[in-house]
Amino acid sequence: MPRGRSLLCGLWVFALLGCSPIVDGSFSDVQVTRLDIGVPAAPTSDPTTVHFQFSFTSGQLGATTNLEAQSQIRSAKLVRLRLTAKTGISDLSFIRTLHAVAFIPASKSTTTETNKQVEIADYEQRGTPVVGPTFDVPLPEPVDILPLLRPSKTEPAKIVVSAYLGGTLPMVSWTVDVLMDLSVEIHE
């Protein structure tokens, strides 16, 4: 478990038990990593778009239905979104567009979007593409994902990230690792 996430989990244990010795906490390197996400082969060699999605529990970022503990999260911002090509390909320079949103699903059994949605990336390539297996998606500024960390008792404790890649995409199935770096502030 990355250092930032283990510290955050430790703080939540203290907060939930009511013996919180820390008044303020700022964690600039909380990481959520999703490994080996399958991306389908492009149907044609012409420019096209493919879609993939993955999810993680909002509890990994401190979300809870305990309103007192939940109100201590003051800020949660996505500061880096990185894709790393794994099996099937070794170069991501074909990406011309990338649009990604994060949302809380409408119910525990579906992955349809709700009104709690945050756009996390809207990339369109300008200039020369970066060649290689790793692509740091340009974010003009940190993305506020705090609205996704305010769950009600009826909402699933899950955040879904839905991404659309465009360009002259590989005509083979491939996998990608996604790394999200977040900055989280907690105040009592």
C-alpha atoms as a PDB file:
ATOM      1  CA  MET A   1       0.000   0.000   0.000  1.00  0.00           C
ATOM      2  CA  PRO A   2       1.519   3.399  -0.950  1.00  0.00           C
ATOM      3  CA  ARG A   3       2.633   5.602   1.944  1.00  0.00           C
ATOM      4  CA  GLY A   4      -0.045   8.253   1.377  1.00  0.00           C
ATOM      5  CA  ARG A   5      -2.889   5.754   1.287  1.00  0.00           C
ATOM      6  CA  SER A   6      -1.701   3.956   4.440  1.00  0.00           C
ATOM      7  CA  LEU A   7      -1.479   7.290   6.274  1.00  0.00           C
ATOM      8  CA  LEU A   8      -4.945   8.226   5.070  1.00  0.00           C
ATOM      9  CA  CYS A   9      -6.363   4.877   6.205  1.00  0.00           C
ATOM     10  CA  GLY A  10      -4.726   5.308   9.598  1.00  0.00           C
ATOM     11  CA  LEU A  11      -6.270   8.761   9.988  1.00  0.00           C
ATOM     12  CA  TRP A  12      -9.706   7.419   9.160  1.00  0.00           C
ATOM     13  CA  VAL A  13      -9.383   4.672  11.761  1.00  0.00           C
ATOM     14  CA  PHE A  14      -8.638   7.327  14.402  1.00  0.00           C
ATOM     15  CA  ALA A  15     -11.454   9.587  13.136  1.00  0.00           C
ATOM     16  CA  LEU A  16     -14.010   6.814  13.124  1.00  0.00           C
ATOM     17  CA  LEU A  17     -13.025   5.630  16.588  1.00  0.00           C
ATOM     18  CA  GLY A  18     -13.251   9.177  17.949  1.00  0.00           C
ATOM     19  CA  CYS A  19      -9.639   9.419  19.132  1.00  0.00           C
ATOM     20  CA  SER A  20      -8.162  11.594  16.411  1.00  0.00           C
ATOM     21  CA  PRO A  21      -4.825  13.019  17.596  1.00  0.00           C
ATOM     22  CA  ILE A  22      -4.283  14.879  14.319  1.00  0.00           C
ATOM     23  CA  VAL A  23      -6.148  18.116  13.688  1.00  0.00           C
ATOM     24  CA  ASP A  24      -5.054  18.767  10.092  1.00  0.00           C
ATOM     25  CA  GLY A  25      -3.602  16.471   7.490  1.00  0.00           C
ATOM     26  CA  SER A  26      -2.501  17.074   3.937  1.00  0.00           C
ATOM     27  CA  PHE A  27      -1.499  14.135   1.770  1.00  0.00           C
ATOM     28  CA  SER A  28      -0.039  15.158  -1.552  1.00  0.00           C
ATOM     29  CA  ASP A  29       0.657  11.656  -2.873  1.00  0.00           C
ATOM     30  CA  VAL A  30      -2.343   9.364  -2.506  1.00  0.00           C
ATOM     31  CA  GLN A  31      -2.302   6.865  -5.373  1.00  0.00           C
ATOM     32  CA  VAL A  32      -5.007   4.748  -6.923  1.00  0.00           C
ATOM     33  CA  THR A  33      -3.655   2.202  -9.407  1.00  0.00           C
ATOM     34  CA  ARG A  34      -5.683  -0.085 -11.652  1.00  0.00           C
ATOM     35  CA  LEU A  35      -3.623  -2.758 -13.391  1.00  0.00           C
ATOM     36  CA  ASP A  36      -4.186  -4.658 -16.626  1.00  0.00           C
ATOM     37  CA  ILE A  37      -7.319  -2.927 -17.873  1.00  0.00           C
ATOM     38  CA  GLY A  38      -8.390  -4.553 -21.114  1.00  0.00           C
ATOM     39  CA  VAL A  39      -8.841  -2.289 -24.138  1.00  0.00           C
ATOM     40  CA  PRO A  40     -10.578  -3.764 -27.182  1.00  0.00           C
ATOM     41  CA  ALA A  41      -8.995  -3.896 -30.623  1.00  0.00           C
ATOM     42  CA  ALA A  42      -9.969  -1.118 -32.999  1.00  0.00           C
ATOM     43  CA  PRO A  43     -12.483  -2.341 -35.607  1.00  0.00           C
ATOM     44  CA  THR A  44     -10.637  -0.631 -38.459  1.00  0.00           C
ATOM     45  CA  SER A  45      -7.281   0.913 -39.356  1.00  0.00           C
ATOM     46  CA  ASP A  46      -9.029   4.267 -39.876  1.00  0.00           C
ATOM     47  CA  PRO A  47      -9.162   6.798 -37.036  1.00  0.00           C
ATOM     48  CA  THR A  48     -11.718   5.596 -34.505  1.00  0.00           C
ATOM     49  CA  THR A  49     -12.585   5.630 -30.801  1.00  0.00           C
ATOM     50  CA  VAL A  50     -12.533   2.840 -28.228  1.00  0.00           C
ATOM     51  CA  HIS A  51     -14.028   2.854 -24.755  1.00  0.00           C
ATOM     52  CA  PHE A  52     -12.865   1.276 -21.510  1.00  0.00           C
ATOM     53  CA  GLN A  53     -13.791   1.717 -17.877  1.00  0.00           C
ATOM     54  CA  PHE A  54     -12.700   0.622 -14.446  1.00  0.00           C
ATOM     55  CA  SER A  55     -13.815   1.222 -10.886  1.00  0.00           C
ATOM     56  CA  PHE A  56     -12.470   1.509  -7.372  1.00  0.00           C
ATOM     57  CA  THR A  57     -14.095   1.950  -3.981  1.00  0.00           C
ATOM     58  CA  SER A  58     -14.548   5.492  -2.769  1.00  0.00           C
ATOM     59  CA  GLY A  59     -13.473   4.223   0.665  1.00  0.00           C
ATOM     60  CA  GLN A  60      -9.912   4.065  -0.710  1.00  0.00           C
ATOM     61  CA  LEU A  61     -10.018   7.871  -0.615  1.00  0.00           C
ATOM     62  CA  GLY A  62     -11.668   8.177   2.779  1.00  0.00           C
ATOM     63  CA  ALA A  63     -15.334   8.321   1.745  1.00  0.00           C
ATOM     64  CA  THR A  64     -17.760   7.030   4.347  1.00  0.00           C
ATOM     65  CA  THR A  65     -21.459   7.355   5.134  1.00  0.00           C
ATOM     66  CA  ASN A  66     -20.481   8.524   8.653  1.00  0.00           C
ATOM     67  CA  LEU A  67     -21.313  12.221   8.142  1.00  0.00           C
ATOM     68  CA  GLU A  68     -19.051  13.449  10.962  1.00  0.00           C
ATOM     69  CA  ALA A  69     -16.001  11.657   9.583  1.00  0.00           C
ATOM     70  CA  GLN A  70     -16.970  12.491   5.987  1.00  0.00           C
ATOM     71  CA  SER A  71     -17.137  16.231   6.699  1.00  0.00           C
ATOM     72  CA  GLN A  72     -13.437  16.171   7.637  1.00  0.00           C
ATOM     73  CA  ILE A  73     -12.419  15.683   3.993  1.00  0.00           C
ATOM     74  CA  ARG A  74     -11.935  19.263   2.795  1.00  0.00           C
ATOM     75  CA  SER A  75     -10.251  18.684  -0.537  1.00  0.00           C
ATOM     76  CA  ALA A  76      -9.630  15.799  -2.930  1.00  0.00           C
ATOM     77  CA  LYS A  77      -7.928  16.650  -6.216  1.00  0.00           C
ATOM     78  CA  LEU A  78      -6.618  14.548  -9.073  1.00  0.00           C
ATOM     79  CA  VAL A  79      -3.158  15.920  -9.902  1.00  0.00           C
ATOM     80  CA  ARG A  80      -1.886  13.275 -12.341  1.00  0.00           C
ATOM     81  CA  LEU A  81      -3.430  10.701 -14.662  1.00  0.00           C
ATOM     82  CA  ARG A  82      -0.945   8.285 -16.252  1.00  0.00           C
ATOM     83  CA  LEU A  83      -1.535   5.463 -18.728  1.00  0.00           C
ATOM     84  CA  THR A  84       1.133   2.782 -19.190  1.00  0.00           C
ATOM     85  CA  ALA A  85       0.878   0.327 -22.097  1.00  0.00           C
ATOM     86  CA  LYS A  86       1.264  -3.283 -21.034  1.00  0.00           C
ATOM     87  CA  THR A  87       0.521  -6.375 -23.098  1.00  0.00           C
ATOM     88  CA  GLY A  88      -0.210  -6.151 -26.810  1.00  0.00           C
ATOM     89  CA  ILE A  89       1.457  -2.766 -27.510  1.00  0.00           C
ATOM     90  CA  SER A  90       4.487  -0.789 -26.407  1.00  0.00           C
ATOM     91  CA  ASP A  91       3.750   2.732 -27.693  1.00  0.00           C
ATOM     92  CA  LEU A  92       0.864   5.098 -26.898  1.00  0.00           C
ATOM     93  CA  SER A  93       1.707   7.804 -29.451  1.00  0.00           C
ATOM     94  CA  PHE A  94      -1.431   6.870 -31.443  1.00  0.00           C
ATOM     95  CA  ILE A  95      -3.650   8.634 -28.863  1.00  0.00           C
ATOM     96  CA  ARG A  96      -5.064  11.780 -30.501  1.00  0.00           C
ATOM     97  CA  THR A  97      -7.960  12.356 -28.095  1.00  0.00           C
ATOM     98  CA  LEU A  98      -8.829  11.145 -24.611  1.00  0.00           C
ATOM     99  CA  HIS A  99     -11.998  12.013 -22.764  1.00  0.00           C
ATOM    100  CA  ALA A 100     -12.560  10.620 -19.279  1.00  0.00           C
ATOM    101  CA  VAL A 101     -15.223  11.120 -16.634  1.00  0.00           C
ATOM    102  CA  ALA A 102     -15.513   9.745 -13.122  1.00  0.00           C
ATOM    103  CA  PHE A 103     -18.922   9.106 -11.620  1.00  0.00           C
ATOM    104  CA  ILE A 104     -20.864   7.263  -8.956  1.00  0.00           C
ATOM    105  CA  PRO A 105     -23.005   4.553 -10.600  1.00  0.00           C
ATOM    106  CA  ALA A 106     -26.785   4.821 -10.482  1.00  0.00           C
ATOM    107  CA  SER A 107     -27.004   1.585  -8.481  1.00  0.00           C
ATOM    108  CA  LYS A 108     -24.823  -1.210  -7.124  1.00  0.00           C
ATOM    109  CA  SER A 109     -25.737  -3.478 -10.028  1.00  0.00           C
ATOM    110  CA  THR A 110     -25.071  -1.078 -12.927  1.00  0.00           C
ATOM    111  CA  THR A 111     -22.334   1.219 -14.165  1.00  0.00           C
ATOM    112  CA  THR A 112     -24.609   3.884 -15.629  1.00  0.00           C
ATOM    113  CA  GLU A 113     -23.839   7.483 -14.826  1.00  0.00           C
ATOM    114  CA  THR A 114     -25.630   9.640 -12.284  1.00  0.00           C
ATOM    115  CA  ASN A 115     -25.724  13.367 -11.716  1.00  0.00           C
ATOM    116  CA  LYS A 116     -22.583  12.975  -9.551  1.00  0.00           C
ATOM    117  CA  GLN A 117     -20.078  13.122 -12.388  1.00  0.00           C
ATOM    118  CA  VAL A 118     -16.724  14.884 -12.797  1.00  0.00           C
ATOM    119  CA  GLU A 119     -14.837  15.344 -16.051  1.00  0.00           C
ATOM    120  CA  ILE A 120     -11.250  14.330 -15.297  1.00  0.00           C
ATOM    121  CA  ALA A 121      -9.645  14.663 -18.734  1.00  0.00           C
ATOM    122  CA  ASP A 122     -10.438  16.205 -22.100  1.00  0.00           C
ATOM    123  CA  TYR A 123      -7.261  15.845 -24.150  1.00  0.00           C
ATOM    124  CA  GLU A 124      -6.764  16.675 -27.793  1.00  0.00           C
ATOM    125  CA  GLN A 125      -3.275  16.241 -29.234  1.00  0.00           C
ATOM    126  CA  ARG A 126      -1.568  19.424 -30.355  1.00  0.00           C
ATOM    127  CA  GLY A 127       1.924  19.166 -31.772  1.00  0.00           C
ATOM    128  CA  THR A 128       4.237  16.175 -31.804  1.00  0.00           C
ATOM    129  CA  PRO A 129       3.056  13.107 -29.865  1.00  0.00           C
ATOM    130  CA  VAL A 130       5.196  11.655 -27.119  1.00  0.00           C
ATOM    131  CA  VAL A 131       6.458   8.233 -28.206  1.00  0.00           C
ATOM    132  CA  GLY A 132       6.678   5.460 -25.646  1.00  0.00           C
ATOM    133  CA  PRO A 133       4.754   3.146 -23.352  1.00  0.00           C
ATOM    134  CA  THR A 134       3.777   5.866 -20.832  1.00  0.00           C
ATOM    135  CA  PHE A 135       1.375   8.744 -21.413  1.00  0.00           C
ATOM    136  CA  ASP A 136       0.856  11.427 -18.758  1.00  0.00           C
ATOM    137  CA  VAL A 137      -2.492  12.951 -19.667  1.00  0.00           C
ATOM    138  CA  PRO A 138      -2.126  16.743 -19.593  1.00  0.00           C
ATOM    139  CA  LEU A 139      -4.377  18.206 -16.912  1.00  0.00           C
ATOM    140  CA  PRO A 140      -4.618  22.017 -17.117  1.00  0.00           C
ATOM    141  CA  GLU A 141      -5.128  22.147 -13.341  1.00  0.00           C
ATOM    142  CA  PRO A 142      -5.892  19.706 -10.531  1.00  0.00           C
ATOM    143  CA  VAL A 143      -9.355  18.156 -10.933  1.00  0.00           C
ATOM    144  CA  ASP A 144     -11.707  18.471  -7.957  1.00  0.00           C
ATOM    145  CA  ILE A 145     -13.198  15.023  -7.247  1.00  0.00           C
ATOM    146  CA  LEU A 146     -14.597  15.903  -3.812  1.00  0.00           C
ATOM    147  CA  PRO A 147     -18.214  15.720  -5.096  1.00  0.00           C
ATOM    148  CA  LEU A 148     -17.650  11.980  -5.674  1.00  0.00           C
ATOM    149  CA  LEU A 149     -16.613  11.499  -2.045  1.00  0.00           C
ATOM    150  CA  ARG A 150     -19.899  12.591  -0.522  1.00  0.00           C
ATOM    151  CA  PRO A 151     -21.856   9.317  -0.636  1.00  0.00           C
ATOM    152  CA  SER A 152     -25.350   8.870   0.700  1.00  0.00           C
ATOM    153  CA  LYS A 153     -26.396   5.647   2.389  1.00  0.00           C
ATOM    154  CA  THR A 154     -28.190   4.549  -0.801  1.00  0.00           C
ATOM    155  CA  GLU A 155     -25.309   5.177  -3.233  1.00  0.00           C
ATOM    156  CA  PRO A 156     -22.753   2.485  -3.956  1.00  0.00           C
ATOM    157  CA  ALA A 157     -19.330   3.119  -2.415  1.00  0.00           C
ATOM    158  CA  LYS A 158     -17.795   2.940  -5.858  1.00  0.00           C
ATOM    159  CA  ILE A 159     -16.321   5.377  -8.357  1.00  0.00           C
ATOM    160  CA  VAL A 160     -16.301   4.409 -12.036  1.00  0.00           C
ATOM    161  CA  VAL A 161     -13.874   5.982 -14.500  1.00  0.00           C
ATOM    162  CA  SER A 162     -15.046   5.857 -18.116  1.00  0.00           C
ATOM    163  CA  ALA A 163     -12.522   6.730 -20.850  1.00  0.00           C
ATOM    164  CA  TYR A 164     -12.723   7.169 -24.611  1.00  0.00           C
ATOM    165  CA  LEU A 165      -9.488   7.004 -26.637  1.00  0.00           C
ATOM    166  CA  GLY A 166      -9.404   8.314 -30.196  1.00  0.00           C
ATOM    167  CA  GLY A 167      -6.877   8.058 -33.000  1.00  0.00           C
ATOM    168  CA  THR A 168      -5.503   5.422 -35.337  1.00  0.00           C
ATOM    169  CA  LEU A 169      -5.776   2.770 -32.663  1.00  0.00           C
ATOM    170  CA  PRO A 170      -4.190  -0.708 -32.527  1.00  0.00           C
ATOM    171  CA  MET A 171      -6.129  -3.444 -34.275  1.00  0.00           C
ATOM    172  CA  VAL A 172      -5.165  -5.842 -31.473  1.00  0.00           C
ATOM    173  CA  SER A 173      -6.551  -6.057 -27.951  1.00  0.00           C
ATOM    174  CA  TRP A 174      -4.173  -4.631 -25.368  1.00  0.00           C
ATOM    175  CA  THR A 175      -3.963  -3.823 -21.684  1.00  0.00           C
ATOM    176  CA  VAL A 176      -3.095  -0.629 -19.898  1.00  0.00           C
ATOM    177  CA  ASP A 177      -2.246   0.297 -16.298  1.00  0.00           C
ATOM    178  CA  VAL A 178      -3.816   3.497 -14.990  1.00  0.00           C
ATOM    179  CA  LEU A 179      -2.245   5.512 -12.175  1.00  0.00           C
ATOM    180  CA  MET A 180      -4.082   8.395 -10.520  1.00  0.00           C
ATOM    181  CA  ASP A 181      -2.186  10.656  -8.110  1.00  0.00           C
ATOM    182  CA  LEU A 182      -4.385  12.607  -5.740  1.00  0.00           C
ATOM    183  CA  SER A 183      -3.920  15.297  -3.162  1.00  0.00           C
ATOM    184  CA  VAL A 184      -6.230  15.004  -0.143  1.00  0.00           C
ATOM    185  CA  GLU A 185      -6.706  17.415   2.772  1.00  0.00           C
ATOM    186  CA  ILE A 186      -8.395  16.444   6.004  1.00  0.00           C
ATOM    187  CA  HIS A 187      -9.296  18.965   8.730  1.00  0.00           C
ATOM    188  CA  GLU A 188     -10.992  18.278  12.019  1.00  0.00           C
END
